[in-house]
PDB file of N, CA and C in Angstrom:
ATOM      1  N   MET A   1     -52.264  25.147 -28.657  1.00  0.00           N
ATOM      2  CA  MET A   1     -51.453  24.093 -28.128  1.00  0.00           C
ATOM      3  C   MET A   1     -51.332  23.548 -28.989  1.00  0.00           C
ATOM      4  N   ARG A   2     -51.551  22.803 -29.862  1.00  0.00           N
ATOM      5  CA  ARG A   2     -51.451  22.139 -30.865  1.00  0.00           C
ATOM      6  C   ARG A   2     -49.038  22.652 -30.896  1.00  0.00           C
ATOM      7  N   TRP A   3     -49.234  23.932 -31.372  1.00  0.00           N
ATOM      8  CA  TRP A   3     -47.911  24.712 -31.862  1.00  0.00           C
ATOM      9  C   TRP A   3     -47.198  24.064 -30.884  1.00  0.00           C
ATOM     10  N   LEU A   4     -47.211  24.296 -28.933  1.00  0.00           N
ATOM     11  CA  LEU A   4     -46.592  24.078 -27.770  1.00  0.00           C
ATOM     12  C   LEU A   4     -46.134  22.751 -27.533  1.00  0.00           C
ATOM     13  N   TRP A   5     -47.019  21.989 -28.174  1.00  0.00           N
ATOM     14  CA  TRP A   5     -46.839  20.659 -28.201  1.00  0.00           C
ATOM     15  C   TRP A   5     -45.761  19.752 -29.459  1.00  0.00           C
ATOM     16  N   LEU A   6     -46.190  20.617 -30.744  1.00  0.00           N
ATOM     17  CA  LEU A   6     -45.561  19.991 -30.729  1.00  0.00           C
ATOM     18  C   LEU A   6     -43.971  20.115 -30.434  1.00  0.00           C
ATOM     19  N   VAL A   7     -43.307  21.478 -30.426  1.00  0.00           N
ATOM     20  CA  VAL A   7     -42.461  22.854 -29.704  1.00  0.00           C
ATOM     21  C   VAL A   7     -41.623  21.299 -29.079  1.00  0.00           C
ATOM     22  N   TRP A   8     -42.000  21.224 -27.628  1.00  0.00           N
ATOM     23  CA  TRP A   8     -41.891  20.586 -26.823  1.00  0.00           C
ATOM     24  C   TRP A   8     -41.331  19.397 -27.353  1.00  0.00           C
ATOM     25  N   ALA A   9     -42.286  18.439 -27.810  1.00  0.00           N
ATOM     26  CA  ALA A   9     -42.261  16.762 -28.641  1.00  0.00           C
ATOM     27  C   ALA A   9     -40.386  17.545 -29.133  1.00  0.00           C
ATOM     28  N   GLY A  10     -40.343  18.325 -29.981  1.00  0.00           N
ATOM     29  CA  GLY A  10     -39.252  18.527 -30.608  1.00  0.00           C
ATOM     30  C   GLY A  10     -38.171  18.756 -29.919  1.00  0.00           C
ATOM     31  N   GLY A  11     -38.401  19.076 -28.867  1.00  0.00           N
ATOM     32  CA  GLY A  11     -37.150  19.862 -28.057  1.00  0.00           C
ATOM     33  C   GLY A  11     -36.372  18.648 -26.965  1.00  0.00           C
ATOM     34  N   LEU A  12     -37.549  17.556 -26.865  1.00  0.00           N
ATOM     35  CA  LEU A  12     -37.873  16.320 -26.444  1.00  0.00           C
ATOM     36  C   LEU A  12     -36.395  15.602 -27.673  1.00  0.00           C
ATOM     37  N   LEU A  13     -37.284  15.858 -28.440  1.00  0.00           N
ATOM     38  CA  LEU A  13     -36.165  14.347 -28.969  1.00  0.00           C
ATOM     39  C   LEU A  13     -34.507  15.278 -29.711  1.00  0.00           C
ATOM     40  N   VAL A  14     -35.015  15.828 -29.628  1.00  0.00           N
ATOM     41  CA  VAL A  14     -33.405  17.060 -30.338  1.00  0.00           C
ATOM     42  C   VAL A  14     -32.820  16.647 -28.768  1.00  0.00           C
ATOM     43  N   SER A  15     -33.035  17.254 -27.291  1.00  0.00           N
ATOM     44  CA  SER A  15     -32.326  16.301 -25.879  1.00  0.00           C
ATOM     45  C   SER A  15     -31.896  15.368 -26.236  1.00  0.00           C
ATOM     46  N   CYS A  16     -32.561  14.226 -26.254  1.00  0.00           N
ATOM     47  CA  CYS A  16     -31.861  12.539 -26.312  1.00  0.00           C
ATOM     48  C   CYS A  16     -30.371  12.664 -26.721  1.00  0.00           C
ATOM     49  N   GLY A  17     -29.932  11.740 -26.623  1.00  0.00           N
ATOM     50  CA  GLY A  17     -28.739  11.309 -26.998  1.00  0.00           C
ATOM     51  C   GLY A  17     -27.788  11.146 -26.031  1.00  0.00           C
ATOM     52  N   VAL A  18     -26.893  11.092 -26.412  1.00  0.00           N
ATOM     53  CA  VAL A  18     -25.192  10.893 -25.529  1.00  0.00           C
ATOM     54  C   VAL A  18     -24.951  12.267 -25.043  1.00  0.00           C
ATOM     55  N   VAL A  19     -24.230  13.082 -24.181  1.00  0.00           N
ATOM     56  CA  VAL A  19     -24.166  14.323 -24.065  1.00  0.00           C
ATOM     57  C   VAL A  19     -22.200  13.896 -23.615  1.00  0.00           C
ATOM     58  N   GLY A  20     -22.042  14.682 -23.830  1.00  0.00           N
ATOM     59  CA  GLY A  20     -20.718  15.108 -24.620  1.00  0.00           C
ATOM     60  C   GLY A  20     -19.342  14.997 -25.909  1.00  0.00           C
ATOM     61  N   PRO A  21     -18.241  14.219 -26.131  1.00  0.00           N
ATOM     62  CA  PRO A  21     -18.164  14.783 -27.243  1.00  0.00           C
ATOM     63  C   PRO A  21     -17.705  13.154 -27.002  1.00  0.00           C
ATOM     64  N   PRO A  22     -17.453  12.399 -28.934  1.00  0.00           N
ATOM     65  CA  PRO A  22     -17.457  11.077 -29.137  1.00  0.00           C
ATOM     66  C   PRO A  22     -16.055  10.621 -28.561  1.00  0.00           C
ATOM     67  N   VAL A  23     -16.700   9.206 -28.153  1.00  0.00           N
ATOM     68  CA  VAL A  23     -15.146   8.545 -27.666  1.00  0.00           C
ATOM     69  C   VAL A  23     -14.848   7.787 -29.000  1.00  0.00           C
ATOM     70  N   ALA A  24     -12.975   7.064 -28.634  1.00  0.00           N
ATOM     71  CA  ALA A  24     -12.704   6.849 -30.017  1.00  0.00           C
ATOM     72  C   ALA A  24     -12.774   5.205 -29.537  1.00  0.00           C
ATOM     73  N   PRO A  25     -12.809   4.454 -30.725  1.00  0.00           N
ATOM     74  CA  PRO A  25     -13.538   3.094 -30.079  1.00  0.00           C
ATOM     75  C   PRO A  25     -12.078   2.246 -29.279  1.00  0.00           C
ATOM     76  N   GLU A  26     -11.044   2.389 -30.069  1.00  0.00           N
ATOM     77  CA  GLU A  26      -9.699   2.383 -29.707  1.00  0.00           C
ATOM     78  C   GLU A  26      -9.660   2.633 -28.440  1.00  0.00           C
ATOM     79  N   ASP A  27     -10.173   3.570 -27.441  1.00  0.00           N
ATOM     80  CA  ASP A  27      -9.962   3.673 -26.033  1.00  0.00           C
ATOM     81  C   ASP A  27     -11.177   2.726 -25.387  1.00  0.00           C
ATOM     82  N   VAL A  28     -11.298   1.914 -25.743  1.00  0.00           N
ATOM     83  CA  VAL A  28     -13.407   1.622 -25.597  1.00  0.00           C
ATOM     84  C   VAL A  28     -13.058   0.188 -24.999  1.00  0.00           C
ATOM     85  N   GLY A  29     -13.061  -0.515 -23.824  1.00  0.00           N
ATOM     86  CA  GLY A  29     -13.008  -1.803 -23.555  1.00  0.00           C
ATOM     87  C   GLY A  29     -12.105  -2.128 -22.829  1.00  0.00           C
ATOM     88  N   VAL A  30     -11.902  -4.002 -22.495  1.00  0.00           N
ATOM     89  CA  VAL A  30     -10.457  -3.877 -21.333  1.00  0.00           C
ATOM     90  C   VAL A  30      -9.606  -4.147 -21.686  1.00  0.00           C
ATOM     91  N   ALA A  31      -9.176  -4.202 -23.467  1.00  0.00           N
ATOM     92  CA  ALA A  31      -7.928  -4.502 -23.835  1.00  0.00           C
ATOM     93  C   ALA A  31      -7.055  -2.735 -23.586  1.00  0.00           C
ATOM     94  N   PRO A  32      -8.099  -1.805 -23.833  1.00  0.00           N
ATOM     95  CA  PRO A  32      -6.742  -0.727 -23.239  1.00  0.00           C
ATOM     96  C   PRO A  32      -6.996  -0.240 -21.929  1.00  0.00           C
ATOM     97  N   VAL A  33      -7.746  -0.780 -21.117  1.00  0.00           N
ATOM     98  CA  VAL A  33      -7.291  -0.681 -20.044  1.00  0.00           C
ATOM     99  C   VAL A  33      -6.348  -1.666 -19.277  1.00  0.00           C
ATOM    100  N   ILE A  34      -6.257  -2.811 -19.768  1.00  0.00           N
ATOM    101  CA  ILE A  34      -5.133  -3.282 -19.120  1.00  0.00           C
ATOM    102  C   ILE A  34      -3.854  -2.799 -20.098  1.00  0.00           C
ATOM    103  N   GLU A  35      -3.704  -2.332 -20.626  1.00  0.00           N
ATOM    104  CA  GLU A  35      -2.170  -1.830 -21.577  1.00  0.00           C
ATOM    105  C   GLU A  35      -1.902  -0.913 -20.727  1.00  0.00           C
ATOM    106  N   ARG A  36      -2.881   0.281 -20.782  1.00  0.00           N
ATOM    107  CA  ARG A  36      -3.123   1.472 -19.432  1.00  0.00           C
ATOM    108  C   ARG A  36      -2.073   1.138 -18.173  1.00  0.00           C
ATOM    109  N   GLN A  37      -3.234   0.084 -17.446  1.00  0.00           N
ATOM    110  CA  GLN A  37      -2.759  -0.316 -15.886  1.00  0.00           C
ATOM    111  C   GLN A  37      -1.105  -0.733 -15.815  1.00  0.00           C
ATOM    112  N   LYS A  38      -0.504  -1.431 -17.358  1.00  0.00           N
ATOM    113  CA  LYS A  38       0.672  -2.664 -17.857  1.00  0.00           C
ATOM    114  C   LYS A  38       2.236  -0.986 -17.626  1.00  0.00           C
ATOM    115  N   ARG A  39       1.410   0.240 -18.263  1.00  0.00           N
ATOM    116  CA  ARG A  39       2.138   1.247 -18.134  1.00  0.00           C
ATOM    117  C   ARG A  39       2.460   1.717 -17.070  1.00  0.00           C
ATOM    118  N   GLN A  40       1.364   2.321 -16.339  1.00  0.00           N
ATOM    119  CA  GLN A  40       1.285   2.449 -15.290  1.00  0.00           C
ATOM    120  C   GLN A  40       2.594   1.439 -13.954  1.00  0.00           C
ATOM    121  N   ASP A  41       1.979   0.467 -14.062  1.00  0.00           N
ATOM    122  CA  ASP A  41       2.533  -0.149 -13.445  1.00  0.00           C
ATOM    123  C   ASP A  41       4.476   0.237 -14.097  1.00  0.00           C
ATOM    124  N   ALA A  42       5.048  -0.424 -14.774  1.00  0.00           N
ATOM    125  CA  ALA A  42       6.594  -0.074 -16.070  1.00  0.00           C
ATOM    126  C   ALA A  42       6.476   1.336 -15.352  1.00  0.00           C
ATOM    127  N   VAL A  43       5.862   2.300 -14.434  1.00  0.00           N
ATOM    128  CA  VAL A  43       6.483   3.574 -14.611  1.00  0.00           C
ATOM    129  C   VAL A  43       6.662   3.475 -13.167  1.00  0.00           C
ATOM    130  N   GLY A  44       5.546   2.732 -12.300  1.00  0.00           N
ATOM    131  CA  GLY A  44       6.237   2.486 -10.936  1.00  0.00           C
ATOM    132  C   GLY A  44       6.765   1.871 -10.118  1.00  0.00           C
ATOM    133  N   ALA A  45       7.597   0.748 -11.799  1.00  0.00           N
ATOM    134  CA  ALA A  45       8.921  -0.125 -11.358  1.00  0.00           C
ATOM    135  C   ALA A  45       9.685   1.020 -11.047  1.00  0.00           C
ATOM    136  N   LYS A  46       9.954   1.173 -11.921  1.00  0.00           N
ATOM    137  CA  LYS A  46      11.171   2.296 -13.150  1.00  0.00           C
ATOM    138  C   LYS A  46      10.907   2.814 -11.490  1.00  0.00           C
ATOM    139  N   GLN A  47      10.223   4.418 -10.732  1.00  0.00           N
ATOM    140  CA  GLN A  47      10.539   4.582  -9.953  1.00  0.00           C
ATOM    141  C   GLN A  47      11.188   3.996  -8.584  1.00  0.00           C
ATOM    142  N   ARG A  48      10.157   3.046  -8.206  1.00  0.00           N
ATOM    143  CA  ARG A  48      10.716   1.965  -7.224  1.00  0.00           C
ATOM    144  C   ARG A  48      11.977   1.787  -7.381  1.00  0.00           C
ATOM    145  N   GLU A  49      12.553   1.457  -8.308  1.00  0.00           N
ATOM    146  CA  GLU A  49      14.331   1.227  -8.472  1.00  0.00           C
ATOM    147  C   GLU A  49      14.844   2.831  -8.267  1.00  0.00           C
ATOM    148  N   THR A  50      14.874   3.854  -8.349  1.00  0.00           N
ATOM    149  CA  THR A  50      15.354   5.290  -8.471  1.00  0.00           C
ATOM    150  C   THR A  50      15.288   5.627  -7.264  1.00  0.00           C
ATOM    151  N   THR A  51      14.454   5.120  -6.432  1.00  0.00           N
ATOM    152  CA  THR A  51      14.238   6.321  -5.312  1.00  0.00           C
ATOM    153  C   THR A  51      15.022   4.949  -4.396  1.00  0.00           C
ATOM    154  N   GLU A  52      15.623   5.390  -3.092  1.00  0.00           N
ATOM    155  CA  GLU A  52      16.715   5.375  -2.444  1.00  0.00           C
ATOM    156  C   GLU A  52      16.476   4.536  -1.150  1.00  0.00           C
ATOM    157  N   VAL A  53      16.370   3.129  -0.904  1.00  0.00           N
ATOM    158  CA  VAL A  53      15.789   2.078   0.043  1.00  0.00           C
ATOM    159  C   VAL A  53      16.388   3.209   1.523  1.00  0.00           C
ATOM    160  N   GLU A  54      15.751   2.520   2.434  1.00  0.00           N
ATOM    161  CA  GLU A  54      16.312   3.250   3.547  1.00  0.00           C
ATOM    162  C   GLU A  54      16.565   2.059   4.985  1.00  0.00           C
ATOM    163  N   PRO A  55      17.262   2.529   5.411  1.00  0.00           N
ATOM    164  CA  PRO A  55      18.326   1.151   6.126  1.00  0.00           C
ATOM    165  C   PRO A  55      17.575   0.407   7.122  1.00  0.00           C
ATOM    166  N   VAL A  56      17.876  -0.744   7.603  1.00  0.00           N
ATOM    167  CA  VAL A  56      16.945  -1.118   8.159  1.00  0.00           C
ATOM    168  C   VAL A  56      16.949  -1.025  10.238  1.00  0.00           C
ATOM    169  N   LYS A  57      16.516  -0.185  10.333  1.00  0.00           N
ATOM    170  CA  LYS A  57      16.899  -0.523  11.609  1.00  0.00           C
ATOM    171  C   LYS A  57      16.744  -1.294  12.833  1.00  0.00           C
ATOM    172  N   GLU A  58      18.083  -1.562  13.359  1.00  0.00           N
ATOM    173  CA  GLU A  58      18.430  -2.789  14.396  1.00  0.00           C
ATOM    174  C   GLU A  58      17.579  -2.914  15.594  1.00  0.00           C
ATOM    175  N   LEU A  59      16.863  -4.128  16.231  1.00  0.00           N
ATOM    176  CA  LEU A  59      16.481  -4.781  17.208  1.00  0.00           C
ATOM    177  C   LEU A  59      16.626  -4.623  18.568  1.00  0.00           C
ATOM    178  N   PRO A  60      16.455  -3.654  19.682  1.00  0.00           N
ATOM    179  CA  PRO A  60      16.482  -4.037  20.322  1.00  0.00           C
ATOM    180  C   PRO A  60      17.209  -5.143  21.198  1.00  0.00           C
ATOM    181  N   ASP A  61      18.583  -5.026  21.922  1.00  0.00           N
ATOM    182  CA  ASP A  61      19.240  -6.191  22.526  1.00  0.00           C
ATOM    183  C   ASP A  61      18.441  -7.215  23.031  1.00  0.00           C
ATOM    184  N   PRO A  62      18.483  -8.976  23.046  1.00  0.00           N
ATOM    185  CA  PRO A  62      16.908  -9.671  22.846  1.00  0.00           C
ATOM    186  C   PRO A  62      16.999  -9.914  24.667  1.00  0.00           C
ATOM    187  N   GLU A  63      18.660  -9.771  24.887  1.00  0.00           N
ATOM    188  CA  GLU A  63      19.020  -9.911  26.435  1.00  0.00           C
ATOM    189  C   GLU A  63      18.495  -9.441  28.080  1.00  0.00           C
ATOM    190  N   VAL A  64      16.962  -7.917  26.988  1.00  0.00           N
ATOM    191  CA  VAL A  64      17.156  -7.267  28.037  1.00  0.00           C
ATOM    192  C   VAL A  64      16.376  -7.688  28.363  1.00  0.00           C
ATOM    193  N   ASP A  65      16.574  -7.132  30.184  1.00  0.00           N
ATOM    194  CA  ASP A  65      15.539  -7.750  31.334  1.00  0.00           C
ATOM    195  C   ASP A  65      14.025  -6.804  31.066  1.00  0.00           C
ATOM    196  N   LEU A  66      12.337  -7.812  30.489  1.00  0.00           N
ATOM    197  CA  LEU A  66      12.127  -6.907  30.600  1.00  0.00           C
ATOM    198  C   LEU A  66      10.439  -7.294  31.717  1.00  0.00           C
ATOM    199  N   LEU A  67      10.117  -6.114  32.098  1.00  0.00           N
ATOM    200  CA  LEU A  67       8.908  -6.639  33.018  1.00  0.00           C
ATOM    201  C   LEU A  67       7.855  -7.690  32.734  1.00  0.00           C
ATOM    202  N   PRO A  68       7.618  -7.315  33.811  1.00  0.00           N
ATOM    203  CA  PRO A  68       6.373  -9.006  33.769  1.00  0.00           C
ATOM    204  C   PRO A  68       4.917  -8.772  33.410  1.00  0.00           C
ATOM    205  N   LEU A  69       4.419  -9.861  31.790  1.00  0.00           N
ATOM    206  CA  LEU A  69       3.488  -8.548  31.704  1.00  0.00           C
ATOM    207  C   LEU A  69       2.007  -8.925  32.315  1.00  0.00           C
ATOM    208  N   ARG A  70       1.890  -9.992  33.619  1.00  0.00           N
ATOM    209  CA  ARG A  70       1.160  -9.863  34.753  1.00  0.00           C
ATOM    210  C   ARG A  70       1.889  -9.970  35.758  1.00  0.00           C
ATOM    211  N   PRO A  71       1.939  -8.404  36.146  1.00  0.00           N
ATOM    212  CA  PRO A  71       2.435  -7.805  38.147  1.00  0.00           C
ATOM    213  C   PRO A  71       1.684  -8.867  38.487  1.00  0.00           C
ATOM    214  N   VAL A  72       2.700  -9.583  39.506  1.00  0.00           N
ATOM    215  CA  VAL A  72       2.402 -10.488  40.816  1.00  0.00           C
ATOM    216  C   VAL A  72       1.902  -9.446  42.073  1.00  0.00           C
ATOM    217  N   GLY A  73       1.286  -8.750  42.317  1.00  0.00           N
ATOM    218  CA  GLY A  73       0.621  -8.906  44.471  1.00  0.00           C
ATOM    219  C   GLY A  73       0.497  -7.649  44.114  1.00  0.00           C
ATOM    220  N   THR A  74      -0.120  -6.832  42.289  1.00  0.00           N
ATOM    221  CA  THR A  74      -0.795  -5.435  42.519  1.00  0.00           C
ATOM    222  C   THR A  74      -1.693  -5.507  42.561  1.00  0.00           C
ATOM    223  N   ARG A  75      -3.184  -4.397  42.982  1.00  0.00           N
ATOM    224  CA  ARG A  75      -4.321  -4.408  42.557  1.00  0.00           C
ATOM    225  C   ARG A  75      -4.695  -3.361  41.976  1.00  0.00           C
TER     226      ARG A  75
END
């Protein structure tokens, strides 16, 4: 019984810790996130400059008679 207890405690001790590969200290914190966002913004701005802009559609003639909003005399 003592042997089983030691194996269980040893397994628990070994399994404690961070799972996954180590993270470089240059990738941790706020500064790398801000720089990454700036790079993405710069790339997005270049893409927006290269895309063609659609022409603005003309509005309908303002002198066209429209139907009244509240018709009178109907139910």
